[in-house]
Amino acid sequence: MRKIFLLFAVFTLIAIGVHAAEKMSVEDQLWANEKAIWDGFKSGDQKAFSMIADDGLSADPMGVMTKAQMMQMMSDMKMTDYTFADQKAQMVDHDTYILHYTCSATGTYKGQPMPAGKSHCSSVWNKRGGKWVGVYHQETPMMQMGEQTMQH
């Protein structure tokens, strides 16, 4: 009986370890995908949009955009740099994750400087047909009060 309990405990620990490793690899893959899309915006490479679902949407202070509208916006944007911070991944279920982070980006849009400051960003990734695709992205500029940025 003791051997059976010991074997059960060992297999349980192995299963937990495998699940944790699997979760980490999915999160790492999704962060790499998120970065690849931002890199695509920075370089003007529309191949990055292959990671966005055809029915994907994005919401920011300019409004809600379809994938086609995001691709059009890219032609008017010249991003020079961006940084991520405060990265968190949230598993909704095995096929859906939400990435949360803050982002600072510099560049121009239609020849005008992009607004300075950080934004709160979230992206929803869904596994469809065995492939992770971005289905929703939002950016909310952080409020500035005096010299401090408002954060929770």
C-alpha atoms as a PDB file:
ATOM      1  CA  MET A   1       0.000   0.000   0.000  1.00  0.00           C
ATOM      2  CA  ARG A   2       2.832   2.333   0.866  1.00  0.00           C
ATOM      3  CA  LYS A   3       4.473   1.731  -2.551  1.00  0.00           C
ATOM      4  CA  ILE A   4       1.209   2.516  -4.329  1.00  0.00           C
ATOM      5  CA  PHE A   5       0.868   5.768  -2.394  1.00  0.00           C
ATOM      6  CA  LEU A   6       4.497   6.668  -3.149  1.00  0.00           C
ATOM      7  CA  LEU A   7       4.028   5.938  -6.870  1.00  0.00           C
ATOM      8  CA  PHE A   8       0.809   7.988  -6.908  1.00  0.00           C
ATOM      9  CA  ALA A   9       2.620  10.902  -5.237  1.00  0.00           C
ATOM     10  CA  VAL A  10       5.515  10.714  -7.721  1.00  0.00           C
ATOM     11  CA  PHE A  11       3.181  10.607 -10.743  1.00  0.00           C
ATOM     12  CA  THR A  12       1.160  13.521  -9.346  1.00  0.00           C
ATOM     13  CA  LEU A  13       4.306  15.619  -8.930  1.00  0.00           C
ATOM     14  CA  ILE A  14       5.448  14.733 -12.447  1.00  0.00           C
ATOM     15  CA  ALA A  15       2.027  15.709 -13.858  1.00  0.00           C
ATOM     16  CA  ILE A  16       2.124  19.026 -12.003  1.00  0.00           C
ATOM     17  CA  GLY A  17       5.643  19.684 -13.293  1.00  0.00           C
ATOM     18  CA  VAL A  18       4.699  18.853 -16.874  1.00  0.00           C
ATOM     19  CA  HIS A  19       1.641  21.112 -16.665  1.00  0.00           C
ATOM     20  CA  ALA A  20       3.745  23.979 -15.239  1.00  0.00           C
ATOM     21  CA  ALA A  21       6.377  23.554 -17.976  1.00  0.00           C
ATOM     22  CA  GLU A  22       3.639  23.427 -20.636  1.00  0.00           C
ATOM     23  CA  LYS A  23       2.068  26.585 -19.218  1.00  0.00           C
ATOM     24  CA  MET A  24       5.393  28.398 -19.224  1.00  0.00           C
ATOM     25  CA  SER A  25       6.106  27.431 -22.813  1.00  0.00           C
ATOM     26  CA  VAL A  26       2.681  28.658 -23.939  1.00  0.00           C
ATOM     27  CA  GLU A  27       3.178  31.964 -22.118  1.00  0.00           C
ATOM     28  CA  ASP A  28       6.673  32.347 -23.577  1.00  0.00           C
ATOM     29  CA  GLN A  29       5.281  31.661 -27.060  1.00  0.00           C
ATOM     30  CA  LEU A  30       2.505  34.216 -26.611  1.00  0.00           C
ATOM     31  CA  TRP A  31       4.901  36.904 -25.382  1.00  0.00           C
ATOM     32  CA  ALA A  32       7.119  36.176 -28.401  1.00  0.00           C
ATOM     33  CA  ASN A  33       4.054  36.526 -30.672  1.00  0.00           C
ATOM     34  CA  GLU A  34       3.061  39.802 -28.990  1.00  0.00           C
ATOM     35  CA  LYS A  35       6.568  41.173 -29.455  1.00  0.00           C
ATOM     36  CA  ALA A  36       6.650  40.003 -33.097  1.00  0.00           C
ATOM     37  CA  ILE A  37       3.500  42.012 -33.855  1.00  0.00           C
ATOM     38  CA  TRP A  38       5.007  45.130 -32.239  1.00  0.00           C
ATOM     39  CA  ASP A  39       8.245  44.479 -34.164  1.00  0.00           C
ATOM     40  CA  GLY A  40       6.129  44.277 -37.330  1.00  0.00           C
ATOM     41  CA  PHE A  41       4.629  47.688 -36.584  1.00  0.00           C
ATOM     42  CA  LYS A  42       8.119  49.053 -35.927  1.00  0.00           C
ATOM     43  CA  SER A  43       9.620  47.654 -39.153  1.00  0.00           C
ATOM     44  CA  GLY A  44       6.502  48.071 -41.306  1.00  0.00           C
ATOM     45  CA  ASP A  45       6.419  44.314 -41.977  1.00  0.00           C
ATOM     46  CA  GLN A  46       2.787  43.307 -42.487  1.00  0.00           C
ATOM     47  CA  LYS A  47       3.693  39.591 -42.194  1.00  0.00           C
ATOM     48  CA  ALA A  48       3.231  40.093 -38.444  1.00  0.00           C
ATOM     49  CA  PHE A  49      -0.495  40.365 -39.105  1.00  0.00           C
ATOM     50  CA  SER A  50      -0.598  36.653 -39.927  1.00  0.00           C
ATOM     51  CA  MET A  51      -0.677  36.150 -36.137  1.00  0.00           C
ATOM     52  CA  ILE A  52      -3.875  38.188 -35.843  1.00  0.00           C
ATOM     53  CA  ALA A  53      -7.210  36.462 -36.476  1.00  0.00           C
ATOM     54  CA  ASP A  54      -9.101  37.711 -39.533  1.00  0.00           C
ATOM     55  CA  ASP A  55     -11.925  38.741 -37.176  1.00  0.00           C
ATOM     56  CA  GLY A  56      -9.454  40.320 -34.708  1.00  0.00           C
ATOM     57  CA  LEU A  57     -10.157  43.763 -33.276  1.00  0.00           C
ATOM     58  CA  SER A  58      -8.106  46.469 -31.594  1.00  0.00           C
ATOM     59  CA  ALA A  59      -9.338  49.344 -29.417  1.00  0.00           C
ATOM     60  CA  ASP A  60      -7.367  52.456 -28.544  1.00  0.00           C
ATOM     61  CA  PRO A  61      -8.075  56.207 -28.192  1.00  0.00           C
ATOM     62  CA  MET A  62      -8.580  56.404 -31.984  1.00  0.00           C
ATOM     63  CA  GLY A  63     -11.416  53.864 -31.816  1.00  0.00           C
ATOM     64  CA  VAL A  64     -12.085  50.228 -32.613  1.00  0.00           C
ATOM     65  CA  MET A  65     -10.309  48.839 -35.671  1.00  0.00           C
ATOM     66  CA  THR A  66     -10.559  45.655 -37.702  1.00  0.00           C
ATOM     67  CA  LYS A  67      -7.471  43.773 -38.839  1.00  0.00           C
ATOM     68  CA  ALA A  68      -7.689  45.471 -42.260  1.00  0.00           C
ATOM     69  CA  GLN A  69      -7.873  48.905 -40.608  1.00  0.00           C
ATOM     70  CA  MET A  70      -4.859  48.062 -38.409  1.00  0.00           C
ATOM     71  CA  MET A  71      -2.904  47.105 -41.519  1.00  0.00           C
ATOM     72  CA  GLN A  72      -3.834  50.405 -43.171  1.00  0.00           C
ATOM     73  CA  MET A  73      -2.827  52.322 -40.036  1.00  0.00           C
ATOM     74  CA  MET A  74       0.609  50.691 -40.191  1.00  0.00           C
ATOM     75  CA  SER A  75       1.341  52.460 -43.484  1.00  0.00           C
ATOM     76  CA  ASP A  76       0.864  55.833 -41.721  1.00  0.00           C
ATOM     77  CA  MET A  77       2.904  54.881 -38.630  1.00  0.00           C
ATOM     78  CA  LYS A  78       6.662  55.102 -38.224  1.00  0.00           C
ATOM     79  CA  MET A  79       7.484  53.550 -34.837  1.00  0.00           C
ATOM     80  CA  THR A  80      11.070  54.101 -33.699  1.00  0.00           C
ATOM     81  CA  ASP A  81      11.041  52.244 -30.370  1.00  0.00           C
ATOM     82  CA  TYR A  82       8.862  50.502 -27.812  1.00  0.00           C
ATOM     83  CA  THR A  83       9.293  48.833 -24.432  1.00  0.00           C
ATOM     84  CA  PHE A  84       7.153  46.453 -22.394  1.00  0.00           C
ATOM     85  CA  ALA A  85       6.975  46.449 -18.581  1.00  0.00           C
ATOM     86  CA  ASP A  86       4.846  44.921 -15.839  1.00  0.00           C
ATOM     87  CA  GLN A  87       4.091  41.838 -17.962  1.00  0.00           C
ATOM     88  CA  LYS A  88       1.466  39.410 -16.693  1.00  0.00           C
ATOM     89  CA  ALA A  89      -0.204  36.460 -18.396  1.00  0.00           C
ATOM     90  CA  GLN A  90      -3.630  35.187 -17.390  1.00  0.00           C
ATOM     91  CA  MET A  91      -4.925  31.807 -18.534  1.00  0.00           C
ATOM     92  CA  VAL A  92      -8.679  31.939 -19.148  1.00  0.00           C
ATOM     93  CA  ASP A  93      -8.785  28.322 -20.319  1.00  0.00           C
ATOM     94  CA  HIS A  94      -6.398  26.025 -22.206  1.00  0.00           C
ATOM     95  CA  ASP A  95      -7.185  27.798 -25.491  1.00  0.00           C
ATOM     96  CA  THR A  96      -7.380  31.404 -24.300  1.00  0.00           C
ATOM     97  CA  TYR A  97      -4.876  33.693 -22.581  1.00  0.00           C
ATOM     98  CA  ILE A  98      -4.835  37.399 -21.799  1.00  0.00           C
ATOM     99  CA  LEU A  99      -1.533  39.269 -21.773  1.00  0.00           C
ATOM    100  CA  HIS A 100      -1.424  42.426 -19.639  1.00  0.00           C
ATOM    101  CA  TYR A 101       1.445  44.938 -19.743  1.00  0.00           C
ATOM    102  CA  THR A 102       2.437  48.568 -19.936  1.00  0.00           C
ATOM    103  CA  CYS A 103       4.056  49.890 -23.078  1.00  0.00           C
ATOM    104  CA  SER A 104       5.927  53.024 -24.048  1.00  0.00           C
ATOM    105  CA  ALA A 105       6.315  53.704 -27.762  1.00  0.00           C
ATOM    106  CA  THR A 106       7.889  56.498 -29.774  1.00  0.00           C
ATOM    107  CA  GLY A 107       7.423  57.430 -33.381  1.00  0.00           C
ATOM    108  CA  THR A 108       5.105  59.340 -35.679  1.00  0.00           C
ATOM    109  CA  TYR A 109       1.620  58.847 -37.083  1.00  0.00           C
ATOM    110  CA  LYS A 110       0.837  60.696 -40.322  1.00  0.00           C
ATOM    111  CA  GLY A 111       3.978  62.756 -39.711  1.00  0.00           C
ATOM    112  CA  GLN A 112       2.938  63.887 -36.207  1.00  0.00           C
ATOM    113  CA  PRO A 113       4.696  62.688 -33.036  1.00  0.00           C
ATOM    114  CA  MET A 114       2.901  59.883 -31.225  1.00  0.00           C
ATOM    115  CA  PRO A 115       1.660  60.968 -27.778  1.00  0.00           C
ATOM    116  CA  ALA A 116       4.345  60.553 -25.123  1.00  0.00           C
ATOM    117  CA  GLY A 117       3.752  58.348 -22.106  1.00  0.00           C
ATOM    118  CA  LYS A 118       2.843  54.826 -21.197  1.00  0.00           C
ATOM    119  CA  SER A 119      -0.262  52.834 -22.016  1.00  0.00           C
ATOM    120  CA  HIS A 120      -1.934  49.925 -20.276  1.00  0.00           C
ATOM    121  CA  CYS A 121      -2.233  47.154 -22.873  1.00  0.00           C
ATOM    122  CA  SER A 122      -4.066  43.842 -22.980  1.00  0.00           C
ATOM    123  CA  SER A 123      -4.176  41.251 -25.735  1.00  0.00           C
ATOM    124  CA  VAL A 124      -6.408  38.203 -25.937  1.00  0.00           C
ATOM    125  CA  TRP A 125      -4.860  35.158 -27.629  1.00  0.00           C
ATOM    126  CA  ASN A 126      -6.950  32.177 -28.699  1.00  0.00           C
ATOM    127  CA  LYS A 127      -5.845  28.813 -30.034  1.00  0.00           C
ATOM    128  CA  ARG A 128      -7.666  28.121 -33.306  1.00  0.00           C
ATOM    129  CA  GLY A 129      -6.883  25.142 -35.494  1.00  0.00           C
ATOM    130  CA  GLY A 130      -3.797  24.406 -33.385  1.00  0.00           C
ATOM    131  CA  LYS A 131      -2.400  27.941 -33.887  1.00  0.00           C
ATOM    132  CA  TRP A 132      -2.329  30.845 -31.419  1.00  0.00           C
ATOM    133  CA  VAL A 133      -3.877  33.998 -32.901  1.00  0.00           C
ATOM    134  CA  GLY A 134      -4.527  37.431 -31.469  1.00  0.00           C
ATOM    135  CA  VAL A 135      -8.255  38.091 -31.324  1.00  0.00           C
ATOM    136  CA  TYR A 136      -8.373  41.368 -29.375  1.00  0.00           C
ATOM    137  CA  HIS A 137      -5.947  44.107 -28.322  1.00  0.00           C
ATOM    138  CA  GLN A 138      -6.554  47.277 -26.361  1.00  0.00           C
ATOM    139  CA  GLU A 139      -4.387  50.240 -25.362  1.00  0.00           C
ATOM    140  CA  THR A 140      -5.380  52.775 -22.710  1.00  0.00           C
ATOM    141  CA  PRO A 141      -3.077  55.746 -22.091  1.00  0.00           C
ATOM    142  CA  MET A 142      -2.103  56.166 -18.440  1.00  0.00           C
ATOM    143  CA  MET A 143      -3.512  59.324 -16.912  1.00  0.00           C
ATOM    144  CA  GLN A 144      -1.016  62.032 -16.039  1.00  0.00           C
ATOM    145  CA  MET A 145      -1.611  64.023 -12.859  1.00  0.00           C
ATOM    146  CA  GLY A 146       1.074  66.606 -12.292  1.00  0.00           C
ATOM    147  CA  GLU A 147       4.378  64.795 -12.506  1.00  0.00           C
ATOM    148  CA  GLN A 148       3.111  61.362 -11.498  1.00  0.00           C
ATOM    149  CA  THR A 149       1.471  58.691 -13.579  1.00  0.00           C
ATOM    150  CA  MET A 150      -1.707  57.306 -12.041  1.00  0.00           C
ATOM    151  CA  GLN A 151      -1.496  53.547 -11.492  1.00  0.00           C
ATOM    152  CA  HIS A 152      -3.412  51.123  -9.313  1.00  0.00           C
END
